[in-house]
Protein backbone atom coordinates (compact mmCIF):
# COMPACT_ATOMS: atom_id res chain seq x y z
CA PRO A 1 4.37 -71.27 40.66
CA VAL A 2 6.68 -68.71 39.15
CA GLU A 3 10.39 -69.45 39.31
CA THR A 4 12.83 -66.56 39.19
CA PHE A 5 16.52 -66.40 38.41
CA GLU A 6 18.96 -63.47 38.55
CA LEU A 7 22.55 -62.98 37.46
CA SER A 8 24.78 -59.93 37.66
CA THR A 9 28.37 -60.26 36.46
CA ARG A 10 31.29 -58.36 35.01
CA GLU A 11 32.83 -61.59 33.70
CA PRO A 12 32.02 -62.37 30.04
CA ASP A 13 32.82 -66.08 30.51
CA VAL A 14 30.34 -66.35 33.38
CA ALA A 15 27.59 -64.63 31.37
CA GLN A 16 28.31 -66.81 28.34
CA THR A 17 28.17 -70.05 30.35
CA VAL A 18 25.08 -69.16 32.39
CA LEU A 19 23.06 -67.86 29.41
CA THR A 20 24.05 -70.85 27.26
CA GLU A 21 22.87 -73.23 29.99
CA PHE A 22 19.74 -71.21 30.78
CA TYR A 23 18.53 -71.15 27.17
CA ARG A 24 19.58 -74.82 26.68
CA LEU A 25 21.57 -74.02 23.56
CA GLU A 26 23.13 -76.81 21.51
CA ARG A 27 26.22 -74.64 20.98
CA PRO A 28 27.53 -71.95 23.32
CA LEU A 29 26.80 -68.28 22.81
CA GLU A 30 29.75 -66.61 21.15
CA PHE A 31 30.74 -63.15 22.36
CA ALA A 32 33.15 -61.01 20.33
CA GLY A 33 34.50 -57.50 20.74
CA VAL A 34 33.90 -57.67 24.50
CA PRO A 35 35.15 -54.45 26.13
CA ARG A 36 36.83 -54.22 29.51
CA SER A 37 33.77 -52.39 30.83
CA PHE A 38 31.60 -55.50 30.28
CA SER A 39 28.60 -55.87 32.57
CA CYS A 40 25.63 -58.22 32.27
CA GLU A 41 22.41 -58.31 34.29
CA PHE A 42 19.91 -61.07 33.66
CA ARG A 43 16.52 -61.59 35.30
CA SER A 44 14.07 -64.29 34.39
CA ALA A 45 10.61 -65.37 35.49
CA THR A 46 9.32 -68.75 34.33
CA ALA A 47 5.89 -70.29 34.90
CA GLY A 48 5.74 -73.80 33.49
CA SER A 49 6.95 -73.49 29.92
CA LEU A 50 6.29 -69.72 29.61
CA GLY A 51 9.04 -67.26 30.35
CA ALA A 52 9.86 -63.56 30.42
CA ASP A 53 13.39 -62.26 30.71
CA ARG A 54 15.25 -58.98 31.01
CA LEU A 55 18.79 -58.93 29.70
CA ARG A 56 21.01 -55.89 30.09
CA PHE A 57 24.50 -55.39 28.72
CA THR A 58 26.24 -52.14 29.59
CA ALA A 59 28.87 -52.44 26.90
CA GLY A 60 28.79 -52.80 23.14
CA MET A 61 29.69 -56.18 21.65
CA ARG A 62 28.71 -58.86 19.16
CA CYS A 63 27.05 -62.20 19.84
CA SER A 64 26.02 -65.31 17.89
CA VAL A 65 23.05 -67.30 19.19
CA PRO A 66 22.34 -70.81 17.87
CA PRO A 67 18.71 -71.66 16.99
CA LEU A 68 16.40 -71.84 20.00
CA GLY A 69 13.80 -74.53 20.61
CA ASP A 70 11.17 -72.06 21.83
CA PHE A 71 9.19 -69.34 20.09
CA VAL A 72 11.08 -66.23 21.21
CA VAL A 73 10.33 -62.55 20.67
CA VAL A 74 12.58 -59.73 21.81
CA SER A 75 12.17 -55.98 22.17
CA PRO A 76 14.72 -53.46 23.38
CA ALA A 77 13.54 -51.27 26.26
CA GLY A 78 16.71 -49.21 25.90
CA GLY A 79 19.56 -49.02 23.44
CA SER A 80 19.49 -50.65 20.04
CA VAL A 81 20.53 -53.91 18.48
CA ARG A 82 21.09 -55.13 14.93
CA TYR A 83 20.04 -58.72 14.23
CA ALA A 84 21.04 -60.71 11.18
CA ALA A 85 19.75 -64.22 10.45
CA GLY A 86 20.36 -65.75 7.07
CA ARG A 87 19.61 -62.97 4.57
CA GLU A 88 17.29 -61.06 6.90
CA GLN A 89 18.37 -58.12 9.02
CA VAL A 90 16.47 -56.18 11.69
CA ASP A 91 17.51 -52.96 13.39
CA ALA A 92 15.66 -53.05 16.69
CA ARG A 93 15.24 -50.10 19.02
CA PRO A 94 12.71 -49.41 21.78
CA GLY A 95 9.23 -50.18 20.48
CA VAL A 96 10.40 -52.68 17.84
CA VAL A 97 9.52 -56.34 18.38
CA ALA A 98 11.52 -59.02 16.58
CA ARG A 99 11.15 -62.78 16.44
CA HIS A 100 14.21 -64.93 17.04
CA PRO A 101 14.53 -67.49 14.22
CA ASN A 102 14.25 -71.18 15.07
CA ASP A 103 16.22 -72.54 12.13
CA VAL A 104 19.38 -70.42 11.76
CA THR A 105 22.01 -68.82 13.95
CA LEU A 106 21.21 -65.23 14.91
CA ARG A 107 24.06 -62.74 14.82
CA SER A 108 23.64 -59.55 16.78
CA GLU A 109 25.59 -56.41 17.56
CA TRP A 110 24.74 -53.73 20.11
CA GLY A 111 25.86 -50.85 22.26
CA ASP A 112 24.36 -50.53 25.72
CA LEU A 113 21.28 -52.73 25.57
CA ASP A 114 18.29 -53.36 27.81
CA LEU A 115 16.32 -56.19 26.18
CA ARG A 116 12.99 -57.82 27.01
CA VAL A 117 12.47 -61.45 25.96
CA VAL A 118 9.28 -63.54 25.90
CA ARG A 119 9.54 -67.33 25.50
CA LEU A 120 6.71 -69.69 24.56
CA PRO A 121 6.86 -73.36 23.57
CA LEU A 122 7.00 -73.60 19.77
CA ALA A 123 4.63 -76.58 19.87
CA VAL A 124 1.92 -74.42 21.48
CA ILE A 125 2.30 -71.70 18.83
CA GLU A 126 2.10 -74.31 16.06
CA ARG A 127 -0.98 -75.98 17.59
CA VAL A 128 -2.84 -72.70 18.01
CA ALA A 129 -1.95 -71.61 14.45
CA GLU A 130 -3.41 -74.81 13.07
CA GLU A 131 -6.49 -74.86 15.33
CA ARG A 132 -7.46 -71.18 15.17
CA LEU A 133 -6.07 -70.00 11.84
CA GLY A 134 -5.97 -73.19 9.78
CA VAL A 135 -2.31 -72.49 9.04
CA PRO A 136 0.40 -75.13 9.44
CA GLY A 137 2.69 -73.99 12.25
CA ALA A 138 5.73 -73.93 9.96
CA ASP A 139 3.94 -71.44 7.66
CA LEU A 140 2.83 -69.00 10.39
CA ARG A 141 4.15 -65.48 9.81
CA PHE A 142 3.81 -62.32 11.86
CA GLU A 143 3.73 -59.23 9.71
CA GLY A 144 2.93 -55.64 10.40
C-alpha cells in the first residue's frame, strides 16, 4: 500500500519540525533568512521503503540538512537551488538531478523552489551496485 502525507504551513517552525521528523534526521533542519512571506507545501508518497516527495517553498531562504540515511536524489521542477556539501557545489535548476550526500551536511539556498525528491534505501543501492556492477556500494558514482 502507498501511504501519503501532506503539509501546508506558513509557520517556519512547523515546517522545520515536521520535515525533521519525517526525514528522521539526527539533527534538526536549520532555516536561516526566513522571510515573512514564508510558505511551505510538502506532499509525500511512500510504498514500503521507497518514497517520492514534492517540496515547495514560496520564499527564498537558506537551509542546512544533516546527512540522510537513505539514497536521495532531488530535482527542481521550478525555481533554482544552490547546494554545497563539503567542497562540492551544485547549482540545480529544472532538469538538473543532484544526489544528496550521505556523509556530510548539505547547505542549500534558494528563491521560490518546487523540488522533487526520490528516496531509496541506501542498502538496496549498495547491494545492487555490488551484484550487478561488481562495485562496492561505497565506491558507486553517478556521472554524466
